[in-house]
C-alpha atoms as a PDB file:
ATOM      1  CA  MET A   1      14.651   2.938 -22.076  1.00  0.00           C
ATOM      2  CA  GLN A   2      16.388   0.425 -20.681  1.00  0.00           C
ATOM      3  CA  CYS A   3      17.036  -3.069 -21.933  1.00  0.00           C
ATOM      4  CA  PRO A   4      15.699  -6.149 -19.782  1.00  0.00           C
ATOM      5  CA  LYS A   5      18.198  -8.227 -20.441  1.00  0.00           C
ATOM      6  CA  CYS A   6      21.860  -6.719 -20.180  1.00  0.00           C
ATOM      7  CA  LYS A   7      20.814  -3.177 -18.259  1.00  0.00           C
ATOM      8  CA  ASN A   8      21.730  -1.116 -21.734  1.00  0.00           C
ATOM      9  CA  LEU A   9      20.617   2.991 -21.717  1.00  0.00           C
ATOM     10  CA  ASP A  10      21.146   2.412 -25.190  1.00  0.00           C
ATOM     11  CA  THR A  11      17.825   1.391 -27.141  1.00  0.00           C
ATOM     12  CA  LYS A  12      16.397   1.971 -30.622  1.00  0.00           C
ATOM     13  CA  VAL A  13      12.904   2.331 -31.705  1.00  0.00           C
ATOM     14  CA  ILE A  14      11.964   0.211 -34.440  1.00  0.00           C
ATOM     15  CA  ASP A  15       7.905   0.631 -35.251  1.00  0.00           C
ATOM     16  CA  SER A  16       5.494   2.930 -33.204  1.00  0.00           C
ATOM     17  CA  ARG A  17       2.140   2.271 -33.155  1.00  0.00           C
ATOM     18  CA  LEU A  18      -1.321   3.903 -32.038  1.00  0.00           C
ATOM     19  CA  THR A  19      -3.143   1.037 -29.257  1.00  0.00           C
ATOM     20  CA  GLU A  20      -6.282   1.462 -27.425  1.00  0.00           C
ATOM     21  CA  GLN A  21      -7.612   3.600 -29.925  1.00  0.00           C
ATOM     22  CA  GLY A  22      -5.381   5.940 -29.958  1.00  0.00           C
ATOM     23  CA  ARG A  23      -5.124   6.214 -25.641  1.00  0.00           C
ATOM     24  CA  VAL A  24      -1.738   3.980 -26.135  1.00  0.00           C
ATOM     25  CA  ILE A  25       1.950   4.400 -28.097  1.00  0.00           C
ATOM     26  CA  ARG A  26       3.829   0.535 -28.200  1.00  0.00           C
ATOM     27  CA  ARG A  27       6.708   1.190 -29.008  1.00  0.00           C
ATOM     28  CA  ARG A  28       8.977  -2.101 -31.068  1.00  0.00           C
ATOM     29  CA  ARG A  29      12.733  -1.580 -29.771  1.00  0.00           C
ATOM     30  CA  GLU A  30      16.383  -2.819 -30.169  1.00  0.00           C
ATOM     31  CA  CYS A  31      19.332  -2.933 -27.960  1.00  0.00           C
ATOM     32  CA  ASP A  32      22.332  -1.335 -28.799  1.00  0.00           C
ATOM     33  CA  GLN A  33      24.550  -3.606 -27.146  1.00  0.00           C
ATOM     34  CA  CYS A  34      22.751  -7.477 -26.548  1.00  0.00           C
ATOM     35  CA  GLY A  35      20.638  -6.492 -30.037  1.00  0.00           C
ATOM     36  CA  ARG A  36      17.181  -8.318 -27.817  1.00  0.00           C
ATOM     37  CA  ARG A  37      14.105  -6.665 -29.291  1.00  0.00           C
ATOM     38  CA  PHE A  38      11.200  -5.902 -26.298  1.00  0.00           C
ATOM     39  CA  THR A  39       8.171  -3.685 -26.532  1.00  0.00           C
ATOM     40  CA  THR A  40       7.384  -0.747 -24.431  1.00  0.00           C
ATOM     41  CA  PHE A  41       3.467   0.739 -24.416  1.00  0.00           C
ATOM     42  CA  GLU A  42       3.049   4.884 -23.247  1.00  0.00           C
ATOM     43  CA  ARG A  43       0.358   6.219 -22.345  1.00  0.00           C
ATOM     44  CA  ALA A  44      -0.554   9.464 -20.400  1.00  0.00           C
ATOM     45  CA  GLU A  45      -0.263   9.621 -16.677  1.00  0.00           C
ATOM     46  CA  MET A  46      -3.542  10.226 -14.455  1.00  0.00           C
ATOM     47  CA  ALA A  47      -1.355  12.097 -11.505  1.00  0.00           C
ATOM     48  CA  SER A  48      -3.729  14.405 -10.993  1.00  0.00           C
ATOM     49  CA  LEU A  49      -7.279  12.386 -10.342  1.00  0.00           C
ATOM     50  CA  MET A  50      -7.003  11.812  -6.690  1.00  0.00           C
ATOM     51  CA  VAL A  51      -9.189   8.726  -5.086  1.00  0.00           C
ATOM     52  CA  LYS A  52     -11.657   9.137  -2.098  1.00  0.00           C
ATOM     53  CA  LYS A  53     -10.986   5.890   0.082  1.00  0.00           C
ATOM     54  CA  LYS A  54     -14.189   5.013   2.192  1.00  0.00           C
ATOM     55  CA  ASP A  55     -12.444   5.574   5.357  1.00  0.00           C
ATOM     56  CA  ALA A  56     -12.777   9.624   4.237  1.00  0.00           C
ATOM     57  CA  THR A  57      -8.721   9.853   3.320  1.00  0.00           C
ATOM     58  CA  PHE A  58      -7.630   9.999  -0.381  1.00  0.00           C
ATOM     59  CA  GLU A  59      -4.994   8.504  -2.209  1.00  0.00           C
ATOM     60  CA  PRO A  60      -3.476   8.997  -5.486  1.00  0.00           C
ATOM     61  CA  TYR A  61      -5.247   6.820  -8.150  1.00  0.00           C
ATOM     62  CA  ASN A  62      -3.027   3.868  -9.224  1.00  0.00           C
ATOM     63  CA  ARG A  63      -4.035   1.838 -12.321  1.00  0.00           C
ATOM     64  CA  SER A  64      -1.672  -0.802 -11.409  1.00  0.00           C
ATOM     65  CA  LYS A  65      -3.977  -1.756  -8.919  1.00  0.00           C
ATOM     66  CA  LEU A  66      -7.244  -1.220 -10.745  1.00  0.00           C
ATOM     67  CA  GLU A  67      -5.739  -3.603 -12.892  1.00  0.00           C
ATOM     68  CA  SER A  68      -4.689  -6.114 -10.422  1.00  0.00           C
ATOM     69  CA  GLY A  69      -7.746  -6.747  -8.797  1.00  0.00           C
ATOM     70  CA  ILE A  70      -9.851  -6.893 -12.348  1.00  0.00           C
ATOM     71  CA  TRP A  71      -7.287  -9.749 -12.869  1.00  0.00           C
ATOM     72  CA  ILE A  72      -8.363 -11.313  -9.936  1.00  0.00           C
ATOM     73  CA  ALA A  73     -11.841 -11.259 -10.886  1.00  0.00           C
ATOM     74  CA  CYS A  74     -11.077 -12.814 -14.594  1.00  0.00           C
ATOM     75  CA  GLY A  75      -8.417 -15.222 -13.301  1.00  0.00           C
ATOM     76  CA  LYS A  76      -8.908 -18.132 -15.970  1.00  0.00           C
ATOM     77  CA  ARG A  77     -11.599 -16.428 -18.108  1.00  0.00           C
ATOM     78  CA  PRO A  78     -11.757 -15.936 -21.654  1.00  0.00           C
ATOM     79  CA  VAL A  79     -10.666 -11.761 -21.125  1.00  0.00           C
ATOM     80  CA  THR A  80      -7.958 -10.789 -23.026  1.00  0.00           C
ATOM     81  CA  GLN A  81      -4.945  -7.799 -21.622  1.00  0.00           C
ATOM     82  CA  ASN A  82      -6.475  -5.806 -24.730  1.00  0.00           C
ATOM     83  CA  GLN A  83     -10.636  -6.334 -23.572  1.00  0.00           C
ATOM     84  CA  ILE A  84      -9.129  -5.031 -19.666  1.00  0.00           C
ATOM     85  CA  ASP A  85      -6.601  -2.532 -20.959  1.00  0.00           C
ATOM     86  CA  ASP A  86      -9.797  -0.605 -23.444  1.00  0.00           C
ATOM     87  CA  MET A  87     -12.494  -0.565 -20.227  1.00  0.00           C
ATOM     88  CA  ILE A  88      -8.977   0.978 -17.663  1.00  0.00           C
ATOM     89  CA  SER A  89      -8.835   3.651 -20.319  1.00  0.00           C
ATOM     90  CA  GLY A  90     -12.444   4.568 -21.044  1.00  0.00           C
ATOM     91  CA  LEU A  91     -13.471   4.645 -17.119  1.00  0.00           C
ATOM     92  CA  GLU A  92     -10.648   6.571 -16.879  1.00  0.00           C
ATOM     93  CA  GLU A  93     -11.814   8.773 -19.551  1.00  0.00           C
ATOM     94  CA  ARG A  94     -14.641   9.292 -17.923  1.00  0.00           C
ATOM     95  CA  TRP A  95     -13.178   9.930 -14.258  1.00  0.00           C
ATOM     96  CA  SER A  96     -11.119  12.705 -15.114  1.00  0.00           C
ATOM     97  CA  ALA A  97     -12.832  14.687 -17.064  1.00  0.00           C
ATOM     98  CA  ASN A  98     -12.899  17.827 -15.591  1.00  0.00           C
ATOM     99  CA  LYS A  99     -12.685  16.201 -11.962  1.00  0.00           C
ATOM    100  CA  LYS A 100      -9.795  16.556  -9.924  1.00  0.00           C
ATOM    101  CA  MET A 101     -11.535  13.609  -7.065  1.00  0.00           C
ATOM    102  CA  ILE A 102     -13.684  10.549  -7.352  1.00  0.00           C
ATOM    103  CA  SER A 103     -14.620   8.196  -4.662  1.00  0.00           C
ATOM    104  CA  SER A 104     -13.322   4.434  -4.479  1.00  0.00           C
ATOM    105  CA  GLN A 105     -17.201   3.612  -4.862  1.00  0.00           C
ATOM    106  CA  THR A 106     -17.750   5.242  -8.361  1.00  0.00           C
ATOM    107  CA  ILE A 107     -14.425   3.414  -9.008  1.00  0.00           C
ATOM    108  CA  GLY A 108     -16.861   0.150  -7.500  1.00  0.00           C
ATOM    109  CA  GLU A 109     -19.673   0.644  -9.822  1.00  0.00           C
ATOM    110  CA  ASP A 110     -18.803   1.769 -12.802  1.00  0.00           C
ATOM    111  CA  VAL A 111     -16.105  -2.285 -12.618  1.00  0.00           C
ATOM    112  CA  MET A 112     -18.775  -3.875 -12.525  1.00  0.00           C
ATOM    113  CA  LYS A 113     -20.582  -2.472 -14.791  1.00  0.00           C
ATOM    114  CA  ALA A 114     -17.514  -2.810 -17.494  1.00  0.00           C
ATOM    115  CA  LEU A 115     -17.057  -5.958 -15.745  1.00  0.00           C
ATOM    116  CA  LYS A 116     -21.360  -6.965 -16.401  1.00  0.00           C
ATOM    117  CA  ALA A 117     -20.601  -6.241 -19.834  1.00  0.00           C
ATOM    118  CA  LEU A 118     -17.313  -8.355 -20.798  1.00  0.00           C
ATOM    119  CA  ASP A 119     -18.232 -10.971 -19.148  1.00  0.00           C
ATOM    120  CA  HIS A 120     -20.731 -12.441 -16.094  1.00  0.00           C
ATOM    121  CA  ILE A 121     -18.391 -14.874 -13.937  1.00  0.00           C
ATOM    122  CA  ALA A 122     -15.322 -12.207 -13.648  1.00  0.00           C
ATOM    123  CA  TYR A 123     -18.418  -9.897 -12.940  1.00  0.00           C
ATOM    124  CA  ILE A 124     -19.379 -11.598 -10.110  1.00  0.00           C
ATOM    125  CA  ARG A 125     -16.239 -12.772  -9.186  1.00  0.00           C
ATOM    126  CA  PHE A 126     -15.253  -8.470  -8.198  1.00  0.00           C
ATOM    127  CA  ALA A 127     -18.657  -7.894  -7.140  1.00  0.00           C
ATOM    128  CA  SER A 128     -18.374 -10.527  -4.075  1.00  0.00           C
ATOM    129  CA  VAL A 129     -14.825  -9.351  -3.207  1.00  0.00           C
ATOM    130  CA  TYR A 130     -16.580  -5.496  -3.533  1.00  0.00           C
ATOM    131  CA  ARG A 131     -20.369  -5.624  -2.262  1.00  0.00           C
ATOM    132  CA  GLN A 132     -18.280  -8.191   0.057  1.00  0.00           C
ATOM    133  CA  PHE A 133     -21.242 -10.570   1.163  1.00  0.00           C
ATOM    134  CA  LYS A 134     -22.023 -11.961   3.704  1.00  0.00           C
ATOM    135  CA  ASP A 135     -24.350 -15.359   3.333  1.00  0.00           C
ATOM    136  CA  VAL A 136     -25.045 -16.915   0.980  1.00  0.00           C
ATOM    137  CA  GLU A 137     -28.882 -15.758   0.972  1.00  0.00           C
ATOM    138  CA  GLU A 138     -26.554 -12.030  -0.422  1.00  0.00           C
ATOM    139  CA  PHE A 139     -24.557 -13.972  -3.233  1.00  0.00           C
ATOM    140  CA  LYS A 140     -28.004 -16.053  -4.422  1.00  0.00           C
ATOM    141  CA  GLU A 141     -29.613 -12.715  -4.657  1.00  0.00           C
ATOM    142  CA  GLU A 142     -26.773 -10.841  -6.529  1.00  0.00           C
ATOM    143  CA  LEU A 143     -26.902 -13.963  -8.652  1.00  0.00           C
ATOM    144  CA  GLY A 144     -30.689 -13.972  -9.155  1.00  0.00           C
ATOM    145  CA  LYS A 145     -30.052  -9.824 -10.329  1.00  0.00           C
ATOM    146  CA  LEU A 146     -27.792 -10.844 -13.323  1.00  0.00           C
ATOM    147  CA  LEU A 147     -30.024 -13.539 -14.402  1.00  0.00           C
ATOM    148  CA  LYS A 148     -33.008 -11.908 -14.875  1.00  0.00           C
END
């Protein structure tokens, strides 16, 4: 693993721990050259999962793309990185169970359900972009469903 400070390739692992219910390994590392300590995370790759988009094209699943969209919805909300990681990892497990392809619609709907349980404001923000509300009435209707 390359040191982020001096770019040296020789680093040693000081500590390893399981996180996210055993789905991720967190490693503390130290550079042999400059002594800087840093953290890395190791998780199983979801390379074989393909996403079918609305226009019927396919693209490989990209966790960072999904996480970025979720963080936009969660901006300035009391949501932690661990909560987001746990949410995405749980969704990925469900999606990849015996499947090679998933629709972007399924991803969007599942993320909305998970955000609704996590933070109502983040849910409304995500839903407003995902569902592309055309006017205030559509937005008020969705908000009304949430308040019930």
